């Protein structure tokens, strides 16, 4: 049993690290194809195929990270050590916590798509008339832009609704949505325990419920500025939104650690006994 859990931990770490390293390399490699002076009509088809391979590799990296995190999470639950990571794992492993995580992941993912500009709704613009788009249709825009913002996937769902998938925002969405789901699941678990145990501060548990909206700042900013100032402003807002979200990630990492401290027994073990 010990060998099995050790193997699971090693596999989880390896897959998670491999997934993140693959994403970093993917972004660095594709940045080489963003020099517009090197793009020729004869090379467009090749770059289009590379762009498609980019997203296929990105999906495989997400799969490796997801399975790796699951394996590592399960290992931490089984070993029942006194570390912070084990406490985080134990407090989010129950069926109730998993349901909370999934619901939060879906709801926040939808909200993120709207706030980050991934899901586009322009009631005053007809995509077929303004952009000559076929409804419905989808295509990959392989070039040219800043590193991390290309290749883009453009999808026209209706005359006024579409999707604009930008690689860096997609990675941030998956990362932040996962962390928000983890924070909310852990915070609600800590709240339920704080009602039963006087020694656990509900203030520590509440921390996780107030950092679950890292996309709000950019959303409110876009409301104040407005959306009728042209494409340049839209791009600027998307990039500023990306900055807000990136800054929030360290907070989302630290908060579960703060809550885990509140779920510790005097001997360092978790108050949740699995």
Protein backbone atom coordinates (compact mmCIF):
# COMPACT_ATOMS: atom_id res chain seq x y z
CA UNK A 1 0.00 0.00 0.00
CA UNK A 2 2.82 2.36 0.86
CA UNK A 3 4.55 1.65 -2.44
CA UNK A 4 1.31 2.32 -4.30
CA UNK A 5 0.75 5.70 -2.64
CA UNK A 6 4.39 6.66 -3.20
CA UNK A 7 4.08 5.74 -6.87
CA UNK A 8 0.86 7.76 -7.11
CA UNK A 9 2.59 10.79 -5.58
CA UNK A 10 5.53 10.49 -7.96
CA UNK A 11 3.24 10.07 -10.96
CA UNK A 12 1.12 13.05 -9.93
CA UNK A 13 4.10 15.34 -9.48
CA UNK A 14 5.69 14.24 -12.75
CA UNK A 15 2.53 14.72 -14.83
CA UNK A 16 1.75 18.10 -13.27
CA UNK A 17 5.27 19.44 -13.80
CA UNK A 18 5.40 17.98 -17.31
CA UNK A 19 2.10 19.67 -18.18
CA UNK A 20 3.20 23.12 -17.01
CA UNK A 21 6.62 22.80 -18.64
CA UNK A 22 4.97 21.74 -21.90
CA UNK A 23 2.73 24.81 -21.84
CA UNK A 24 5.69 27.13 -21.22
CA UNK A 25 7.69 25.56 -24.07
CA UNK A 26 4.63 25.69 -26.33
CA UNK A 27 4.26 29.44 -25.82
CA UNK A 28 7.98 30.07 -26.36
CA UNK A 29 8.13 28.00 -29.54
CA UNK A 30 5.03 29.52 -31.09
CA UNK A 31 6.31 33.05 -30.38
CA UNK A 32 8.91 32.39 -33.11
CA UNK A 33 6.13 32.39 -35.72
CA UNK A 34 4.81 35.87 -34.84
CA UNK A 35 7.16 37.94 -36.98
CA UNK A 36 4.91 39.32 -39.73
CA UNK A 37 7.93 40.04 -41.95
CA UNK A 38 8.70 36.31 -42.13
CA UNK A 39 5.14 35.34 -43.04
CA UNK A 40 4.62 34.68 -46.73
CA UNK A 41 1.51 33.49 -48.61
CA UNK A 42 3.15 30.10 -49.15
CA UNK A 43 3.80 29.65 -45.41
CA UNK A 44 0.25 30.41 -44.23
CA UNK A 45 -0.95 26.81 -44.54
CA UNK A 46 2.03 25.51 -42.58
CA UNK A 47 1.49 28.03 -39.78
CA UNK A 48 -2.21 27.13 -39.73
CA UNK A 49 -1.30 23.48 -39.12
CA UNK A 50 1.17 24.52 -36.41
CA UNK A 51 -1.57 26.58 -34.76
CA UNK A 52 -3.86 23.54 -34.74
CA UNK A 53 -1.07 21.42 -33.25
CA UNK A 54 -0.58 24.16 -30.63
CA UNK A 55 -4.12 23.73 -29.30
CA UNK A 56 -4.03 19.93 -29.46
CA UNK A 57 -0.81 19.94 -27.42
CA UNK A 58 -2.30 22.49 -25.02
CA UNK A 59 -5.31 20.22 -24.41
CA UNK A 60 -3.02 17.25 -23.74
CA UNK A 61 -1.03 19.38 -21.28
CA UNK A 62 -4.26 20.30 -19.47
CA UNK A 63 -5.14 16.60 -19.31
CA UNK A 64 -1.75 15.69 -17.85
CA UNK A 65 -1.99 18.46 -15.22
CA UNK A 66 -5.55 17.47 -14.25
CA UNK A 67 -4.72 13.78 -13.83
CA UNK A 68 -1.47 14.62 -12.06
CA UNK A 69 -3.22 16.88 -9.53
CA UNK A 70 -5.87 14.21 -8.92
CA UNK A 71 -3.21 11.56 -8.26
CA UNK A 72 -1.27 13.84 -5.93
CA UNK A 73 -4.43 14.94 -4.13
CA UNK A 74 -5.43 11.31 -3.56
CA UNK A 75 -1.93 10.48 -2.30
CA UNK A 76 -2.10 13.30 0.27
CA UNK A 77 -5.47 12.05 1.52
CA UNK A 78 -4.20 8.48 1.93
CA UNK A 79 -0.96 9.33 3.70
CA UNK A 80 -2.68 11.54 6.33
CA UNK A 81 0.44 13.48 7.24
CA UNK A 82 0.52 16.66 9.32
CA UNK A 83 1.58 19.00 6.54
CA UNK A 84 -0.45 21.87 5.14
CA UNK A 85 -0.92 20.15 1.77
CA UNK A 86 -2.37 17.07 3.46
CA UNK A 87 -4.84 19.23 5.40
CA UNK A 88 -5.92 20.98 2.19
CA UNK A 89 -6.39 17.60 0.50
CA UNK A 90 -8.36 16.11 3.40
CA UNK A 91 -10.67 19.12 3.70
CA UNK A 92 -11.64 19.00 0.01
CA UNK A 93 -11.92 15.25 -0.58
CA UNK A 94 -15.47 14.56 0.64
CA UNK A 95 -18.36 14.10 -1.81
CA UNK A 96 -19.89 17.38 -0.64
CA UNK A 97 -16.63 19.27 -1.20
CA UNK A 98 -16.24 17.73 -4.66
CA UNK A 99 -19.77 18.81 -5.63
CA UNK A 100 -19.07 22.34 -4.38
CA UNK A 101 -15.84 22.39 -6.37
CA UNK A 102 -17.54 21.24 -9.60
CA UNK A 103 -20.44 23.70 -9.28
CA UNK A 104 -18.07 26.57 -8.48
CA UNK A 105 -15.76 25.57 -11.34
CA UNK A 106 -18.64 25.64 -13.87
CA UNK A 107 -20.31 28.83 -12.63
CA UNK A 108 -17.07 30.77 -12.24
CA UNK A 109 -15.82 29.45 -15.59
CA UNK A 110 -18.88 30.91 -17.31
CA UNK A 111 -18.48 34.21 -15.46
CA UNK A 112 -14.77 34.30 -16.34
CA UNK A 113 -15.59 33.80 -20.03
CA UNK A 114 -17.92 36.79 -19.97
CA UNK A 115 -15.60 39.00 -17.92
CA UNK A 116 -12.43 38.23 -19.87
CA UNK A 117 -13.96 38.75 -23.29
CA UNK A 118 -13.74 35.09 -24.27
CA UNK A 119 -17.51 35.04 -24.73
CA UNK A 120 -18.42 38.02 -26.92
CA UNK A 121 -21.88 39.56 -27.18
CA UNK A 122 -22.35 42.57 -29.47
CA UNK A 123 -26.07 43.26 -30.01
CA UNK A 124 -25.42 46.31 -32.20
CA UNK A 125 -23.02 44.51 -34.54
CA UNK A 126 -23.94 41.99 -37.21
CA UNK A 127 -20.95 39.67 -37.65
CA UNK A 128 -21.94 38.66 -41.16
CA UNK A 129 -22.30 42.27 -42.33
CA UNK A 130 -19.39 43.87 -40.47
CA UNK A 131 -16.85 41.03 -40.72
CA UNK A 132 -18.20 39.00 -43.63
CA UNK A 133 -18.47 35.99 -41.32
CA UNK A 134 -20.44 32.89 -42.15
CA UNK A 135 -22.88 31.99 -39.36
CA UNK A 136 -22.09 29.62 -37.72
CA UNK A 137 -18.37 29.21 -38.41
CA UNK A 138 -14.99 28.90 -36.72
CA UNK A 139 -11.37 29.45 -37.68
CA UNK A 140 -7.91 29.79 -36.17
CA UNK A 141 -6.07 33.10 -36.56
CA UNK A 142 -2.40 31.98 -36.47
CA UNK A 143 -0.63 35.34 -36.74
CA UNK A 144 0.40 37.92 -35.66
CA UNK A 145 0.37 39.29 -32.13
CA UNK A 146 2.11 39.48 -28.80
CA UNK A 147 3.46 36.23 -27.27
CA UNK A 148 0.67 34.40 -25.48
CA UNK A 149 -2.11 36.08 -27.45
CA UNK A 150 -1.75 34.00 -30.60
CA UNK A 151 -2.98 31.78 -32.15
CA UNK A 152 -6.57 32.84 -31.53
CA UNK A 153 -9.67 30.76 -32.16
CA UNK A 154 -12.61 32.82 -33.45
CA UNK A 155 -16.05 31.23 -33.36
CA UNK A 156 -19.22 32.91 -34.68
CA UNK A 157 -22.20 31.24 -33.00
CA UNK A 158 -24.91 33.71 -34.04
CA UNK A 159 -25.03 37.16 -35.60
CA UNK A 160 -24.28 38.74 -32.22
CA UNK A 161 -22.67 36.02 -30.09
CA UNK A 162 -19.21 34.55 -30.56
CA UNK A 163 -16.13 33.19 -28.85
CA UNK A 164 -12.61 34.60 -28.92
CA UNK A 165 -10.21 32.09 -27.38
CA UNK A 166 -6.80 33.57 -26.55
CA UNK A 167 -4.14 31.09 -25.33
CA UNK A 168 -2.89 33.06 -22.31
CA UNK A 169 -6.44 33.80 -21.16
CA UNK A 170 -7.42 30.15 -21.62
CA UNK A 171 -4.52 29.01 -19.42
CA UNK A 172 -5.37 31.66 -16.82
CA UNK A 173 -9.05 30.71 -16.91
CA UNK A 174 -8.36 27.04 -16.21
CA UNK A 175 -5.81 27.89 -13.49
CA UNK A 176 -7.85 30.55 -11.72
CA UNK A 177 -11.13 28.66 -11.98
CA UNK A 178 -9.50 25.59 -10.43
CA UNK A 179 -8.05 27.67 -7.58
CA UNK A 180 -11.34 29.48 -6.97
CA UNK A 181 -13.17 26.14 -6.83
CA UNK A 182 -10.59 24.81 -4.37
CA UNK A 183 -10.83 27.94 -2.20
CA UNK A 184 -14.62 27.92 -2.05
CA UNK A 185 -14.81 24.18 -1.31
CA UNK A 186 -12.26 24.51 1.46
CA UNK A 187 -13.83 27.67 2.90
CA UNK A 188 -17.28 26.09 3.16
CA UNK A 189 -15.76 23.01 4.81
CA UNK A 190 -13.96 25.24 7.30
CA UNK A 191 -17.20 27.11 8.01
CA UNK A 192 -19.08 23.90 8.74
CA UNK A 193 -16.33 22.78 11.13
CA UNK A 194 -16.11 26.18 12.82
CA UNK A 195 -19.74 25.81 13.90
CA UNK A 196 -18.88 22.57 15.70
CA UNK A 197 -15.48 23.44 17.15
CA UNK A 198 -14.96 26.61 19.14
CA UNK A 199 -11.21 26.50 18.57
CA UNK A 200 -11.52 27.13 14.85
CA UNK A 201 -11.88 30.76 13.79
CA UNK A 202 -14.59 31.44 11.23
CA UNK A 203 -12.59 34.52 10.17
CA UNK A 204 -9.91 32.26 8.70
CA UNK A 205 -12.57 30.29 6.85
CA UNK A 206 -14.20 33.47 5.54
CA UNK A 207 -10.96 34.49 3.84
CA UNK A 208 -11.54 31.98 1.08
CA UNK A 209 -14.92 33.41 0.19
CA UNK A 210 -13.67 36.95 -0.48
CA UNK A 211 -10.95 36.19 -3.03
CA UNK A 212 -13.15 34.23 -5.42
CA UNK A 213 -13.64 36.98 -7.98
CA UNK A 214 -10.26 37.97 -9.44
CA UNK A 215 -11.93 38.96 -12.72
CA UNK A 216 -14.21 41.56 -11.15
CA UNK A 217 -11.75 44.49 -11.24
CA UNK A 218 -11.35 44.35 -14.99
CA UNK A 219 -15.09 43.85 -15.47
CA UNK A 220 -15.99 46.94 -13.46
CA UNK A 221 -13.32 48.93 -15.31
CA UNK A 222 -14.80 47.99 -18.67
CA UNK A 223 -18.25 49.06 -17.46
CA UNK A 224 -16.96 52.51 -16.44
CA UNK A 225 -15.01 53.07 -19.65
CA UNK A 226 -17.65 51.67 -21.96
CA UNK A 227 -17.45 49.39 -24.98
CA UNK A 228 -18.02 51.80 -27.85
CA UNK A 229 -14.48 53.07 -28.23
CA UNK A 230 -13.28 50.66 -30.85
CA UNK A 231 -11.16 47.56 -31.22
CA UNK A 232 -8.00 49.14 -29.76
CA UNK A 233 -9.73 49.76 -26.43
CA UNK A 234 -11.14 46.25 -26.40
CA UNK A 235 -7.67 44.75 -26.85
CA UNK A 236 -6.27 47.03 -24.14
CA UNK A 237 -9.00 45.94 -21.72
CA UNK A 238 -8.37 42.27 -22.44
CA UNK A 239 -4.66 42.69 -21.73
CA UNK A 240 -5.38 44.70 -18.56
CA UNK A 241 -7.87 42.04 -17.51
CA UNK A 242 -5.13 39.43 -17.96
CA UNK A 243 -2.86 41.45 -15.65
CA UNK A 244 -5.54 41.65 -12.93
CA UNK A 245 -6.11 37.90 -13.09
CA UNK A 246 -2.39 37.05 -13.07
CA UNK A 247 -1.88 39.19 -9.96
CA UNK A 248 -4.71 37.35 -8.19
CA UNK A 249 -3.13 33.90 -8.62
CA UNK A 250 -0.62 34.24 -5.71
CA UNK A 251 -3.52 35.25 -3.45
CA UNK A 252 -5.48 32.21 -4.52
CA UNK A 253 -2.47 30.03 -3.66
CA UNK A 254 -1.88 31.59 -0.24
CA UNK A 255 -5.49 31.58 0.99
CA UNK A 256 -5.88 27.76 1.26
CA UNK A 257 -2.68 27.70 3.33
CA UNK A 258 -4.17 30.27 5.73
CA UNK A 259 -7.36 28.23 6.04
CA UNK A 260 -5.36 25.01 6.52
CA UNK A 261 -3.68 26.56 9.56
CA UNK A 262 -7.14 27.03 11.07
CA UNK A 263 -7.96 23.36 10.49
CA UNK A 264 -4.97 22.05 12.43
CA UNK A 265 -5.14 20.23 15.74
CA UNK A 266 -2.60 21.23 18.41
CA UNK A 267 -0.43 18.26 17.34
CA UNK A 268 -0.39 19.47 13.72
CA UNK A 269 -2.84 16.92 12.34
CA UNK A 270 -6.05 17.82 10.49
CA UNK A 271 -9.27 18.21 12.48
CA UNK A 272 -10.97 16.18 9.73
CA UNK A 273 -10.46 12.49 10.30
CA UNK A 274 -10.93 10.41 7.16
